[in-house]
Amino acid sequence: MKSEFINLTTENLASEHICCIIRSHKPHQGIDAKRQWLSARLNEGHVFRKLNEKATVFIEYAPLEKAWVPINGDNYYYIYCLWVSGAHKGKGYGKQLMEYCLNDAKENGKSGICMLGSKKQKAWLSDQLFAKSVGFEVVDTTDNGYELLALSFDGTTPVFAQNAKQEKIGSKELTVYYDMQCPYVIQSIDIIKKYCEENNIPASLIQIDTLQKAKALPCVFNNYGVFYQGKFETVNLLDIAYLKRILKKGEKK
């Protein structure tokens, strides 16, 4: 018997748990920002489907044309997150969620589904080995190892926008592009801001607040992108240890 899942809607958004932050037992500063961001996206075809219990089991996807990522393609869905954690692993939930997305895409006449990946799995990206096991293939790449994975129904494929392959900016200071799609973003930005202020490190923390800005970014992006010394570093959210490694590496160049 299939487990009960629920989709977030404009009617239930305020009352339902957003399970990507359910691991936190304390008030989480990203919750309101996430809800606000979602409230503006749900009427655009954005889907957030989750296990109907207190668990980190969910999928989040949107029409690629409306997805806040610098990827171009016609009639695709883009998966931001597919996540199953803790004791809920190994129960087939990830497969059920992916099947829901695939069926949704086919019923709506989509050409396929895509997601961001990399040659080496990144901590803040969905499991690309699982995606490849159900038919996703690499259809585009960047010079620093990021991959665009797609499962095509009709032979067409999406591509990274050319600006996403620049991976360079004019500023040498620490620069972080971010949006509010992930509830952990605010926490990471606050950590970076505090550390840089205390250590007199110049930093630009740039919120992406429109679809147009997201599509024009100079790097791959799921909800976060980091540059230092003018070079793109990662889509992973930074903690202090990771930030120090990036700063140290940049000082050696």
Protein backbone atom coordinates (compact mmCIF):
# COMPACT_ATOMS: atom_id res chain seq x y z
CA MET A 1 0.00 0.00 0.00
CA LYS A 2 1.33 3.41 -0.93
CA SER A 3 2.06 5.83 1.87
CA GLU A 4 -0.01 8.98 2.15
CA PHE A 5 1.59 12.06 0.65
CA ILE A 6 0.33 15.62 0.56
CA ASN A 7 0.99 18.57 -1.72
CA LEU A 8 1.40 22.06 -0.33
CA THR A 9 -1.16 24.55 -1.59
CA THR A 10 -1.90 28.22 -1.01
CA GLU A 11 -4.65 27.04 1.37
CA ASN A 12 -2.57 24.71 3.55
CA LEU A 13 0.88 26.35 3.27
CA ALA A 14 0.60 28.25 6.55
CA SER A 15 -0.38 25.21 8.59
CA GLU A 16 1.58 22.34 7.06
CA HIS A 17 5.10 21.40 8.11
CA ILE A 18 7.77 22.20 5.54
CA CYS A 19 9.68 18.99 6.03
CA CYS A 20 13.03 20.20 4.70
CA ILE A 21 13.41 22.00 8.06
CA ILE A 22 11.62 19.52 10.32
CA ARG A 23 14.94 18.33 11.76
CA SER A 24 15.19 21.55 13.74
CA HIS A 25 13.47 21.43 17.14
CA LYS A 26 13.95 25.17 17.68
CA PRO A 27 12.27 28.07 15.85
CA HIS A 28 14.02 28.33 12.49
CA GLN A 29 14.58 31.73 10.95
CA GLY A 30 14.23 30.39 7.42
CA ILE A 31 10.67 29.09 7.83
CA ASP A 32 8.82 32.35 7.17
CA ALA A 33 11.10 33.23 4.26
CA LYS A 34 10.54 29.79 2.71
CA ARG A 35 6.78 30.01 3.12
CA GLN A 36 6.71 33.49 1.60
CA TRP A 37 8.84 32.36 -1.35
CA LEU A 38 6.63 29.32 -1.88
CA SER A 39 3.40 31.30 -1.65
CA ALA A 40 4.44 33.28 -4.71
CA ARG A 41 5.52 30.17 -6.63
CA LEU A 42 2.65 27.73 -6.11
CA ASN A 43 0.39 29.48 -8.60
CA GLU A 44 3.21 29.21 -11.17
CA GLY A 45 3.02 25.41 -11.17
CA HIS A 46 5.61 24.87 -8.41
CA VAL A 47 5.06 21.55 -6.61
CA PHE A 48 6.10 20.67 -3.07
CA ARG A 49 4.99 17.12 -2.22
CA LYS A 50 5.82 15.48 1.10
CA LEU A 51 5.10 12.51 3.29
CA ASN A 52 2.11 13.40 5.46
CA GLU A 53 3.98 13.11 8.75
CA LYS A 54 6.88 14.76 10.56
CA ALA A 55 9.63 13.51 8.31
CA THR A 56 12.20 14.82 5.84
CA VAL A 57 10.65 13.08 2.84
CA PHE A 58 9.74 15.37 -0.06
CA ILE A 59 10.19 16.45 -3.65
CA GLU A 60 10.13 20.02 -4.92
CA TYR A 61 9.95 20.88 -8.60
CA ALA A 62 8.67 23.52 -11.03
CA PRO A 63 8.22 24.24 -14.74
CA LEU A 64 11.72 25.00 -16.02
CA GLU A 65 10.53 28.28 -17.55
CA LYS A 66 9.56 29.43 -14.03
CA ALA A 67 12.40 27.73 -12.13
CA TRP A 68 14.92 30.11 -10.54
CA VAL A 69 17.94 28.50 -12.20
CA PRO A 70 20.09 29.57 -15.22
CA ILE A 71 18.96 26.63 -17.35
CA ASN A 72 17.19 26.92 -20.69
CA GLY A 73 14.77 24.45 -22.19
CA ASP A 74 11.24 24.11 -23.43
CA ASN A 75 8.45 22.26 -21.65
CA TYR A 76 10.55 20.64 -18.90
CA TYR A 77 10.14 20.27 -15.16
CA TYR A 78 13.13 21.17 -12.96
CA ILE A 79 13.67 19.29 -9.69
CA TYR A 80 15.10 21.52 -6.96
CA CYS A 81 15.13 18.84 -4.26
CA LEU A 82 14.31 15.18 -3.78
CA TRP A 83 15.12 14.22 -0.23
CA VAL A 84 14.62 11.23 2.05
CA SER A 85 16.55 11.16 5.32
CA GLY A 86 16.97 9.27 8.57
CA ALA A 87 14.83 6.26 9.42
CA HIS A 88 12.70 6.82 6.32
CA LYS A 89 15.47 5.76 3.95
CA GLY A 90 15.15 2.40 2.23
CA LYS A 91 11.34 2.36 2.23
CA GLY A 92 10.82 3.31 -1.39
CA TYR A 93 9.69 6.86 -0.68
CA GLY A 94 12.20 8.41 -3.06
CA LYS A 95 10.98 6.14 -5.86
CA GLN A 96 7.34 7.03 -5.13
CA LEU A 97 8.08 10.73 -5.19
CA MET A 98 10.06 10.48 -8.41
CA GLU A 99 7.29 8.43 -10.01
CA TYR A 100 4.79 11.12 -9.02
CA CYS A 101 6.90 13.77 -10.72
CA LEU A 102 7.34 11.62 -13.83
CA ASN A 103 3.62 10.89 -14.06
CA ASP A 104 2.80 14.56 -13.48
CA ALA A 105 5.16 15.52 -16.30
CA LYS A 106 3.67 12.98 -18.72
CA GLU A 107 0.08 13.87 -17.86
CA ASN A 108 0.87 17.53 -18.54
CA GLY A 109 2.59 16.79 -21.85
CA LYS A 110 6.07 17.78 -20.68
CA SER A 111 9.15 16.92 -22.72
CA GLY A 112 11.04 15.67 -19.67
CA ILE A 113 12.53 16.41 -16.26
CA CYS A 114 15.92 17.84 -15.34
CA MET A 115 18.02 18.60 -12.25
CA LEU A 116 21.43 19.92 -11.25
CA GLY A 117 24.19 17.41 -10.54
CA SER A 118 27.97 17.18 -10.53
CA LYS A 119 30.72 14.69 -11.25
CA LYS A 120 31.29 14.52 -7.51
CA GLN A 121 28.12 14.47 -5.38
CA LYS A 122 27.54 17.78 -3.59
CA ALA A 123 26.08 17.85 -0.08
CA TRP A 124 23.27 20.25 -0.98
CA LEU A 125 22.21 18.56 -4.23
CA SER A 126 19.81 15.64 -4.60
CA ASP A 127 21.22 12.13 -5.04
CA GLN A 128 22.34 12.00 -8.66
CA LEU A 129 23.13 8.27 -8.57
CA PHE A 130 19.49 7.62 -7.77
CA ALA A 131 18.43 9.95 -10.58
CA LYS A 132 20.69 8.14 -13.05
CA SER A 133 19.32 4.78 -11.88
CA VAL A 134 15.84 5.79 -13.05
CA GLY A 135 17.00 7.06 -16.43
CA PHE A 136 18.47 10.54 -16.03
CA GLU A 137 21.49 11.22 -18.23
CA VAL A 138 24.11 13.97 -18.39
CA VAL A 139 23.07 16.40 -21.15
CA ASP A 140 25.34 19.38 -20.41
CA THR A 141 28.39 20.17 -18.28
CA THR A 142 30.45 23.08 -16.97
CA ASP A 143 34.23 23.37 -16.85
CA ASN A 144 34.33 22.92 -13.07
CA GLY A 145 32.44 19.64 -12.97
CA TYR A 146 28.77 20.49 -12.63
CA GLU A 147 26.32 18.51 -14.72
CA LEU A 148 22.81 18.99 -16.01
CA LEU A 149 20.91 15.73 -15.70
CA ALA A 150 17.78 15.12 -17.74
CA LEU A 151 15.25 12.40 -18.43
CA SER A 152 13.81 13.18 -21.85
CA PHE A 153 10.50 11.82 -23.16
CA ASP A 154 10.84 13.16 -26.71
CA GLY A 155 14.56 13.45 -27.43
CA THR A 156 14.85 17.16 -26.67
CA THR A 157 17.20 18.28 -23.90
CA PRO A 158 17.71 21.44 -21.84
CA VAL A 159 21.06 23.24 -21.52
CA PHE A 160 22.85 25.49 -19.09
CA ALA A 161 22.46 29.14 -20.05
CA GLN A 162 25.70 30.47 -21.50
CA ASN A 163 25.98 32.97 -18.64
CA ALA A 164 25.95 30.04 -16.17
CA LYS A 165 29.16 28.76 -17.74
CA GLN A 166 31.08 32.01 -17.19
CA GLU A 167 32.04 31.01 -13.63
CA LYS A 168 33.87 34.33 -13.26
CA ILE A 169 32.98 37.80 -12.02
CA GLY A 170 34.93 41.06 -11.90
CA SER A 171 34.91 41.39 -8.11
CA LYS A 172 37.66 39.62 -6.15
CA GLU A 173 35.86 39.77 -2.81
CA LEU A 174 33.79 36.97 -1.36
CA THR A 175 30.48 37.06 -3.23
CA VAL A 176 27.44 34.92 -2.48
CA TYR A 177 24.32 34.86 -4.63
CA TYR A 178 21.28 33.38 -2.88
CA ASP A 179 17.51 33.16 -2.91
CA MET A 180 14.93 32.02 -0.34
CA GLN A 181 14.02 28.68 -1.91
CA CYS A 182 15.92 26.80 0.83
CA PRO A 183 15.12 27.55 4.51
CA TYR A 184 18.75 27.01 5.50
CA VAL A 185 19.98 29.85 3.30
CA ILE A 186 19.29 32.64 5.80
CA GLN A 187 21.19 30.74 8.48
CA SER A 188 24.23 30.38 6.21
CA ILE A 189 24.11 34.02 5.10
CA ASP A 190 23.95 35.20 8.71
CA ILE A 191 26.97 33.06 9.60
CA ILE A 192 28.98 34.46 6.69
CA LYS A 193 27.97 38.05 7.40
CA LYS A 194 28.93 37.81 11.07
CA TYR A 195 32.28 36.11 10.40
CA CYS A 196 33.26 38.56 7.67
CA GLU A 197 32.32 41.59 9.77
CA GLU A 198 34.28 40.30 12.77
CA ASN A 199 37.34 39.56 10.63
CA ASN A 200 37.20 42.59 8.32
CA ILE A 201 36.69 40.46 5.23
CA PRO A 202 34.99 42.30 2.35
CA ALA A 203 31.91 40.42 1.23
CA SER A 204 28.94 40.94 -1.08
CA LEU A 205 25.84 38.95 -0.17
CA ILE A 206 23.44 39.34 -3.08
CA GLN A 207 19.83 38.20 -2.78
CA ILE A 208 18.28 36.97 -6.02
CA ASP A 209 14.68 38.12 -5.78
CA THR A 210 13.35 37.73 -9.31
CA LEU A 211 13.20 35.00 -11.93
CA GLN A 212 15.05 37.24 -14.38
CA LYS A 213 18.00 37.69 -12.01
CA ALA A 214 18.19 33.95 -11.41
CA LYS A 215 18.21 33.15 -15.13
CA ALA A 216 21.06 35.67 -15.68
CA LEU A 217 23.45 34.39 -12.99
CA PRO A 218 27.13 33.81 -13.95
CA CYS A 219 27.21 30.31 -12.42
CA VAL A 220 25.15 27.18 -11.91
CA PHE A 221 22.62 27.74 -9.16
CA ASN A 222 20.05 25.75 -7.22
CA ASN A 223 19.46 28.47 -4.62
CA TYR A 224 23.04 29.46 -3.74
CA GLY A 225 26.35 30.24 -5.47
CA VAL A 226 29.73 31.31 -4.05
CA PHE A 227 32.58 33.23 -5.72
CA TYR A 228 35.99 34.20 -4.33
CA GLN A 229 38.87 35.95 -6.08
CA GLY A 230 36.55 36.28 -9.06
CA LYS A 231 36.15 32.51 -9.44
CA PHE A 232 33.08 30.37 -8.86
CA GLU A 233 33.58 27.99 -5.92
CA THR A 234 30.44 26.03 -5.02
CA VAL A 235 26.66 25.71 -4.78
CA ASN A 236 27.03 24.27 -1.28
CA LEU A 237 25.79 26.37 1.64
CA LEU A 238 28.77 27.56 3.69
CA ASP A 239 29.46 27.00 7.36
CA ILE A 240 32.48 28.55 9.08
CA ALA A 241 34.81 25.63 8.34
CA TYR A 242 33.94 25.62 4.64
CA LEU A 243 34.22 29.41 4.45
CA LYS A 244 37.69 29.30 5.99
CA ARG A 245 38.82 26.69 3.45
CA ILE A 246 37.67 28.86 0.55
CA LEU A 247 39.34 31.97 1.96
CA LYS A 248 42.57 30.09 2.66
CA LYS A 249 42.66 28.57 -0.81
CA GLY A 250 42.11 31.99 -2.35
CA GLU A 251 44.95 33.55 -0.36
CA LYS A 252 47.42 31.01 -1.80
CA LYS A 253 46.68 32.02 -5.39
